[in-house]
Amino acid sequence: MVELADIFRRYGPDYIDRFGSKILPSHHRAMNDIINCRTEKMGGHLYCCENPDCKQLVYAYHSCGNRSCPKCGQDKTQRWIEKQHNLLLPTHYFLVTFTLPCELRPIARSNQKVVYDLLFKSSAAALQKLAKDPRFVGGDIGMMGGLHTWKRDMRYHPHVHFIVPGGGLSPDRSKWLPSNIDLFVPVKALSPIFRAKFRDALKKTDLFDSVPAEVWQKDWVVHCKPVGNGNSALKYLAPYVYRVAITNNRIEKLENDQVSFRFKNSNTNQWKTATVPSLEFIHRFLQHVLPKNFVKIRYYGLLSPNKRNLLAVVKYLLGNIEVSEVIPTVDKRYICPHCGAKLLWVKSLPRSTRDPP
């Protein structure tokens, strides 16, 4: 099985030689971390199976923890779902998606922190503004959002997903105002508000003059759909929160300096295979590595940290109904892969300065 780490080991030096000074520090770090993830270089622990008929030794090396690593995302996803449980409300939910127009993507790629931050703030402000209209919700809403920067074939496509409870808190804080179960707000009305909010925010930066004028005349893509209750909404958003541009199980082969990988066509929902040169594959992946310390999961309105008192009011108004609990998954790291018995800790393994086995 070919892994992303194998591609970086084999072609990473060539990529660095070719693009040298253009490679961001965060990209260097991501490549290095992914290469070393769960190898001897990271250190770890040695376990022994407690089954006397097995006594298998198991080496468990540490993960790199890099948020772009395909090996580290699944554990983080489950922990994130469990942590968000206290924010859920006993009501219907919507997934609202805001997409940056193609004309702005070159600027976004070169100015990620600034543009991604504006994308978050302008989309959240637009949704909050329209939701306050009495024709739709008429109150203050809460929203939880995650940034996503790729299409399924790893091409650049920055957008933000928000999961939003279907309703809002009335201005006098006395009641919960439920939205229509099938329609939160009309996207045709939301799109120009989003565009105007982003335009006004971008004018305050030195990037505005670089934007083609026609982008402010076109329709911006906004999508909204119902996704069921709170647990369903979390499970829908979670993969977007910690998913990386490609997982190892989608990489099919590496040969003749080309990488073949599978992706699902968004129009037909059928799996397709793309084959690209190895350096192009690395480029496609690295353009989705986020800047250091950039916060890709954000909370607004009733779900923001400084509004938790209002969230408590909403829970009270909704009758404090308990949302079904998310059951943590069993940690398979401490189960013998050979016989299924419990693993016993033997000793710690220090980080190695040698190449991983």
Protein backbone atom coordinates (compact mmCIF):
# COMPACT_ATOMS: atom_id res chain seq x y z
CA MET A 1 0.00 0.00 0.00
CA VAL A 2 1.34 3.42 -0.98
CA GLU A 3 1.13 6.17 1.66
CA LEU A 4 1.54 9.92 1.47
CA ALA A 5 4.71 9.55 3.57
CA ASP A 6 6.22 7.25 0.90
CA ILE A 7 5.64 9.91 -1.78
CA PHE A 8 7.20 12.60 0.39
CA ARG A 9 10.22 10.41 1.17
CA ARG A 10 10.83 9.64 -2.48
CA TYR A 11 9.96 12.92 -4.18
CA GLY A 12 10.07 15.50 -1.37
CA PRO A 13 13.78 16.30 -1.94
CA ASP A 14 13.15 16.90 -5.65
CA TYR A 15 10.20 19.14 -4.82
CA ILE A 16 12.32 21.15 -2.36
CA ASP A 17 15.17 21.46 -4.89
CA ARG A 18 12.80 22.75 -7.56
CA PHE A 19 10.73 25.20 -5.51
CA GLY A 20 13.19 25.99 -2.71
CA SER A 21 12.49 29.51 -1.41
CA LYS A 22 8.82 29.41 -2.47
CA ILE A 23 8.01 26.63 0.00
CA LEU A 24 6.46 27.94 3.19
CA PRO A 25 7.83 26.85 6.60
CA SER A 26 4.46 25.22 7.36
CA HIS A 27 4.84 23.09 4.21
CA HIS A 28 8.33 21.96 5.22
CA ARG A 29 7.02 21.07 8.66
CA ALA A 30 4.06 19.14 7.27
CA MET A 31 6.25 17.03 4.98
CA ASN A 32 8.72 16.26 7.75
CA ASP A 33 6.00 15.38 10.26
CA ILE A 34 4.10 13.14 7.85
CA ILE A 35 7.30 11.28 6.92
CA ASN A 36 8.13 10.61 10.59
CA CYS A 37 4.59 9.99 11.91
CA ARG A 38 4.29 6.70 13.82
CA THR A 39 7.88 5.71 13.10
CA GLU A 40 10.85 5.03 15.35
CA LYS A 41 11.93 8.66 15.01
CA MET A 42 8.87 9.80 16.99
CA GLY A 43 9.51 7.50 19.95
CA GLY A 44 6.66 5.64 21.62
CA HIS A 45 5.95 2.62 23.80
CA LEU A 46 6.53 -1.12 23.79
CA TYR A 47 3.63 -3.37 24.80
CA CYS A 48 3.31 -7.10 25.37
CA CYS A 49 0.15 -9.17 24.94
CA GLU A 50 -1.13 -10.51 28.28
CA ASN A 51 -2.31 -13.74 26.64
CA PRO A 52 0.24 -16.40 27.73
CA ASP A 53 -0.29 -18.26 24.45
CA CYS A 54 0.50 -15.12 22.42
CA LYS A 55 3.00 -12.90 24.25
CA GLN A 56 3.30 -10.80 21.09
CA LEU A 57 5.40 -7.64 21.38
CA VAL A 58 3.76 -4.55 19.90
CA TYR A 59 5.64 -1.35 19.10
CA ALA A 60 3.38 1.72 19.26
CA TYR A 61 5.09 4.83 17.94
CA HIS A 62 3.80 8.33 18.61
CA SER A 63 1.76 10.26 16.06
CA CYS A 64 3.15 13.52 14.73
CA GLY A 65 0.01 15.49 15.64
CA ASN A 66 0.22 17.64 12.52
CA ARG A 67 -3.30 18.58 11.44
CA SER A 68 -2.39 17.88 7.80
CA CYS A 69 -1.34 14.29 8.53
CA PRO A 70 -3.73 11.64 7.17
CA LYS A 71 -2.85 9.28 10.04
CA CYS A 72 -3.78 11.68 12.84
CA GLY A 73 -7.19 13.00 11.77
CA GLN A 74 -9.49 10.13 12.78
CA ASP A 75 -8.65 10.19 16.50
CA LYS A 76 -9.07 13.98 16.56
CA THR A 77 -12.45 13.73 14.84
CA GLN A 78 -13.89 11.42 17.50
CA ARG A 79 -12.54 13.55 20.36
CA TRP A 80 -13.96 16.68 18.72
CA ILE A 81 -17.44 15.13 18.40
CA GLU A 82 -17.43 14.20 22.09
CA LYS A 83 -16.27 17.68 23.10
CA GLN A 84 -19.01 19.43 21.08
CA HIS A 85 -21.78 17.37 22.67
CA ASN A 86 -22.51 20.04 25.31
CA LEU A 87 -23.18 22.62 22.58
CA LEU A 88 -25.97 20.66 20.92
CA LEU A 89 -29.58 21.79 21.13
CA PRO A 90 -32.70 19.59 20.88
CA THR A 91 -33.82 21.02 17.55
CA HIS A 92 -33.34 20.55 13.81
CA TYR A 93 -30.10 21.70 12.16
CA PHE A 94 -28.85 23.08 8.85
CA LEU A 95 -25.55 22.94 6.99
CA VAL A 96 -24.76 26.28 5.34
CA THR A 97 -21.80 26.52 2.93
CA PHE A 98 -20.13 29.70 1.64
CA THR A 99 -17.72 29.38 -1.31
CA LEU A 100 -15.07 31.88 -2.38
CA PRO A 101 -15.37 32.81 -6.11
CA CYS A 102 -12.66 31.51 -8.46
CA GLU A 103 -11.43 35.07 -9.22
CA LEU A 104 -10.40 35.46 -5.57
CA ARG A 105 -8.64 32.12 -5.19
CA PRO A 106 -5.17 33.18 -6.44
CA ILE A 107 -5.21 36.02 -3.93
CA ALA A 108 -6.44 33.69 -1.20
CA ARG A 109 -3.69 31.15 -1.90
CA SER A 110 -1.01 33.84 -1.53
CA ASN A 111 -2.61 35.57 1.48
CA GLN A 112 -4.18 32.72 3.37
CA LYS A 113 -4.42 34.13 6.88
CA VAL A 114 -6.02 37.38 5.75
CA VAL A 115 -8.46 35.98 3.20
CA TYR A 116 -9.53 32.91 5.20
CA ASP A 117 -10.18 35.13 8.21
CA LEU A 118 -12.34 37.45 6.09
CA LEU A 119 -14.16 34.46 4.63
CA PHE A 120 -15.11 33.29 8.11
CA LYS A 121 -16.13 36.69 9.45
CA SER A 122 -18.07 37.92 6.41
CA SER A 123 -20.02 34.67 5.96
CA ALA A 124 -20.92 34.49 9.65
CA ALA A 125 -21.99 38.15 9.71
CA ALA A 126 -24.11 37.71 6.58
CA LEU A 127 -25.95 34.69 7.98
CA GLN A 128 -26.55 36.38 11.33
CA LYS A 129 -27.89 39.51 9.63
CA LEU A 130 -30.39 37.69 7.41
CA ALA A 131 -31.50 35.37 10.23
CA LYS A 132 -32.56 38.39 12.29
CA ASP A 133 -35.20 39.19 9.68
CA PRO A 134 -38.60 38.26 11.25
CA ARG A 135 -39.62 36.57 7.99
CA PHE A 136 -37.07 33.82 8.65
CA VAL A 137 -35.92 33.53 12.28
CA GLY A 138 -36.15 36.95 13.89
CA GLY A 139 -33.56 36.38 16.59
CA ASP A 140 -29.95 35.65 17.49
CA ILE A 141 -28.60 32.40 16.11
CA GLY A 142 -25.61 30.18 16.88
CA MET A 143 -23.21 28.66 14.38
CA MET A 144 -20.20 26.38 14.33
CA GLY A 145 -17.96 26.54 11.26
CA GLY A 146 -15.03 24.75 9.68
CA LEU A 147 -12.76 25.81 6.81
CA HIS A 148 -12.30 23.45 3.85
CA THR A 149 -9.96 24.34 0.96
CA TRP A 150 -10.15 21.57 -1.64
CA LYS A 151 -12.27 19.78 -4.17
CA ARG A 152 -12.31 15.99 -4.13
CA ASP A 153 -9.46 15.83 -6.65
CA MET A 154 -7.39 18.13 -4.38
CA ARG A 155 -7.75 21.21 -6.56
CA TYR A 156 -7.96 24.52 -4.69
CA HIS A 157 -11.51 25.43 -3.65
CA PRO A 158 -11.76 27.39 -0.36
CA HIS A 159 -15.14 27.39 1.40
CA VAL A 160 -16.62 27.37 4.89
CA HIS A 161 -19.19 24.94 6.29
CA PHE A 162 -21.42 26.05 9.19
CA ILE A 163 -23.78 23.85 11.16
CA VAL A 164 -26.59 25.98 12.52
CA PRO A 165 -29.42 25.14 14.96
CA GLY A 166 -32.80 25.73 13.33
CA GLY A 167 -33.94 28.78 15.22
CA GLY A 168 -32.84 31.71 17.35
CA LEU A 169 -33.25 33.49 20.66
CA SER A 170 -35.77 36.33 20.64
CA PRO A 171 -34.44 39.89 21.17
CA ASP A 172 -36.00 40.07 24.64
CA ARG A 173 -34.45 36.66 25.52
CA SER A 174 -37.86 35.29 26.50
CA LYS A 175 -38.43 32.60 23.88
CA TRP A 176 -36.93 30.34 21.25
CA LEU A 177 -37.97 31.18 17.69
CA PRO A 178 -37.88 28.02 15.55
CA SER A 179 -37.15 28.29 11.83
CA ASN A 180 -38.96 26.44 9.09
CA ILE A 181 -37.78 22.82 9.26
CA ASP A 182 -36.88 22.77 5.55
CA LEU A 183 -35.68 26.36 5.01
CA PHE A 184 -33.43 28.35 7.33
CA VAL A 185 -32.86 31.40 5.12
CA PRO A 186 -33.12 31.83 1.32
CA VAL A 187 -29.69 31.55 -0.27
CA LYS A 188 -30.58 33.98 -3.07
CA ALA A 189 -30.94 36.68 -0.45
CA LEU A 190 -27.93 35.48 1.53
CA SER A 191 -25.49 35.51 -1.40
CA PRO A 192 -25.40 39.30 -2.07
CA ILE A 193 -25.12 40.03 1.66
CA PHE A 194 -22.14 37.69 1.89
CA ARG A 195 -20.55 39.33 -1.15
CA ALA A 196 -21.05 42.84 0.25
CA LYS A 197 -19.68 41.91 3.68
CA PHE A 198 -16.57 40.39 2.14
CA ARG A 199 -16.06 43.34 -0.24
CA ASP A 200 -16.34 45.90 2.56
CA ALA A 201 -13.88 43.94 4.72
CA LEU A 202 -11.40 43.50 1.86
CA LYS A 203 -11.43 47.24 1.20
CA LYS A 204 -9.71 47.69 4.56
CA THR A 205 -6.71 45.68 3.32
CA ASP A 206 -4.15 46.35 0.59
CA LEU A 207 -5.52 43.43 -1.44
CA PHE A 208 -8.67 45.07 -2.74
CA ASP A 209 -7.08 46.69 -5.82
CA SER A 210 -5.83 43.27 -6.95
CA VAL A 211 -9.37 41.90 -7.33
CA PRO A 212 -11.05 41.97 -10.76
CA ALA A 213 -14.02 44.35 -10.69
CA GLU A 214 -16.39 41.81 -12.23
CA VAL A 215 -16.24 39.60 -9.14
CA TRP A 216 -18.46 42.11 -7.30
CA GLN A 217 -21.16 41.78 -9.97
CA LYS A 218 -21.47 38.00 -10.16
CA ASP A 219 -23.53 35.71 -7.93
CA TRP A 220 -21.55 34.13 -5.10
CA VAL A 221 -22.25 30.50 -4.31
CA VAL A 222 -24.06 29.81 -1.03
CA HIS A 223 -25.76 26.54 -0.20
CA CYS A 224 -28.08 25.58 2.67
CA LYS A 225 -29.66 22.22 3.46
CA PRO A 226 -31.31 20.52 6.47
CA VAL A 227 -29.19 17.81 8.13
CA GLY A 228 -31.41 16.44 10.89
CA ASN A 229 -30.74 16.72 14.62
CA GLY A 230 -27.62 17.88 16.45
CA ASN A 231 -25.83 14.55 16.44
CA SER A 232 -26.44 14.14 12.72
CA ALA A 233 -25.12 17.65 12.11
CA LEU A 234 -21.94 16.99 14.09
CA LYS A 235 -21.26 13.75 12.28
CA TYR A 236 -21.80 15.56 8.99
CA LEU A 237 -19.39 18.38 9.82
CA ALA A 238 -16.75 16.36 11.69
CA PRO A 239 -15.09 14.85 8.60
CA TYR A 240 -14.76 18.34 7.12
CA VAL A 241 -13.17 19.62 10.32
CA TYR A 242 -10.26 17.18 10.55
CA ARG A 243 -10.19 15.65 7.08
CA VAL A 244 -7.01 16.29 5.12
CA ALA A 245 -6.77 16.74 1.37
CA ILE A 246 -6.32 13.01 0.77
CA THR A 247 -6.25 9.86 2.90
CA ASN A 248 -3.79 7.03 2.39
CA ASN A 249 -6.48 4.56 1.36
CA ARG A 250 -7.31 6.69 -1.70
CA ILE A 251 -3.76 6.50 -3.08
CA GLU A 252 -3.76 3.59 -5.52
CA LYS A 253 -0.24 3.43 -6.91
CA LEU A 254 3.06 5.20 -7.41
CA GLU A 255 4.92 4.33 -10.59
CA ASN A 256 6.79 6.03 -13.42
CA ASP A 257 7.06 9.18 -11.27
CA GLN A 258 3.26 9.52 -11.25
CA VAL A 259 0.66 9.12 -8.51
CA SER A 260 -2.77 7.61 -9.11
CA PHE A 261 -5.50 8.31 -6.58
CA ARG A 262 -9.26 7.82 -6.31
CA PHE A 263 -11.85 10.54 -5.79
CA LYS A 264 -15.62 10.66 -5.93
CA ASN A 265 -17.13 12.79 -8.68
CA SER A 266 -19.44 15.31 -6.99
CA ASN A 267 -21.85 15.33 -9.96
CA THR A 268 -22.24 11.60 -10.56
CA ASN A 269 -21.24 10.36 -7.08
CA GLN A 270 -19.11 7.75 -8.86
CA TRP A 271 -15.49 6.96 -8.05
CA LYS A 272 -12.88 8.08 -10.58
CA THR A 273 -9.11 7.75 -10.78
CA ALA A 274 -6.76 10.66 -11.44
CA THR A 275 -3.10 10.25 -12.37
CA VAL A 276 -0.75 13.22 -11.99
CA PRO A 277 3.04 13.73 -11.88
CA SER A 278 4.45 13.18 -8.40
CA LEU A 279 5.55 16.81 -7.96
CA GLU A 280 2.10 18.04 -9.03
CA PHE A 281 0.57 15.66 -6.49
CA ILE A 282 2.76 17.12 -3.73
CA HIS A 283 1.85 20.66 -4.84
CA ARG A 284 -1.87 19.87 -4.75
CA PHE A 285 -1.57 18.49 -1.24
CA LEU A 286 0.64 21.22 0.24
CA GLN A 287 -1.55 24.11 -0.96
CA HIS A 288 -4.10 22.93 1.62
CA VAL A 289 -1.67 23.03 4.56
CA LEU A 290 -2.92 25.91 6.69
CA PRO A 291 -0.73 28.67 8.16
CA LYS A 292 0.70 28.04 11.61
CA ASN A 293 -1.79 28.68 14.45
CA PHE A 294 -4.65 29.43 12.06
CA VAL A 295 -7.95 28.54 13.74
CA LYS A 296 -9.99 26.47 11.28
CA ILE A 297 -12.93 25.74 13.62
CA ARG A 298 -14.83 28.81 14.82
CA TYR A 299 -17.97 29.57 16.81
CA TYR A 300 -20.33 32.52 16.42
CA GLY A 301 -23.47 33.92 18.03
CA LEU A 302 -25.02 31.73 20.71
CA LEU A 303 -22.25 29.16 20.33
CA SER A 304 -19.36 31.58 20.78
CA PRO A 305 -17.43 31.15 24.07
CA ASN A 306 -18.50 34.56 25.41
CA LYS A 307 -22.20 33.80 24.84
CA ARG A 308 -22.48 30.53 26.76
CA ASN A 309 -24.81 32.22 29.26
CA LEU A 310 -27.30 32.78 26.42
CA LEU A 311 -26.84 29.18 25.31
CA ALA A 312 -27.90 28.13 28.81
CA VAL A 313 -31.03 30.29 28.45
CA VAL A 314 -31.85 28.59 25.14
CA LYS A 315 -31.47 25.13 26.69
CA TYR A 316 -33.83 26.17 29.48
CA LEU A 317 -36.40 27.51 27.01
CA LEU A 318 -36.23 24.30 25.02
CA GLY A 319 -37.01 22.29 28.12
CA ASN A 320 -33.44 21.15 28.77
CA ILE A 321 -34.08 18.05 26.67
CA GLU A 322 -31.08 15.77 26.63
CA VAL A 323 -29.53 15.05 23.25
CA SER A 324 -28.61 11.39 22.82
CA GLU A 325 -25.06 10.78 23.97
CA VAL A 326 -22.20 10.15 21.59
CA ILE A 327 -20.59 6.87 22.63
CA PRO A 328 -16.79 7.01 22.58
CA THR A 329 -15.10 4.44 20.40
CA VAL A 330 -12.86 1.77 21.89
CA ASP A 331 -9.18 2.72 21.68
CA LYS A 332 -7.77 -0.12 19.58
CA ARG A 333 -4.19 0.90 20.34
CA TYR A 334 -4.28 -1.17 23.54
CA ILE A 335 -5.71 -4.34 22.00
CA CYS A 336 -3.40 -7.05 20.65
CA PRO A 337 -3.68 -7.07 16.83
CA HIS A 338 -2.96 -10.81 16.77
CA CYS A 339 -5.35 -12.29 19.35
CA GLY A 340 -7.49 -9.40 20.63
CA ALA A 341 -6.31 -9.64 24.24
CA LYS A 342 -5.24 -6.67 26.36
CA LEU A 343 -1.77 -5.18 25.84
CA LEU A 344 0.46 -4.59 28.87
CA TRP A 345 2.93 -1.69 28.92
CA VAL A 346 6.58 -2.73 28.95
CA LYS A 347 8.66 0.43 28.50
CA SER A 348 8.92 3.81 26.79
CA LEU A 349 10.83 4.16 23.54
CA PRO A 350 12.86 7.38 23.15
CA ARG A 351 12.94 9.36 19.93
CA SER A 352 15.48 8.02 17.48
CA THR A 353 18.00 9.98 15.47
CA ARG A 354 18.22 7.12 12.98
CA ASP A 355 16.05 6.77 9.92
CA PRO A 356 12.74 4.96 10.65
CA PRO A 357 12.64 1.22 9.82
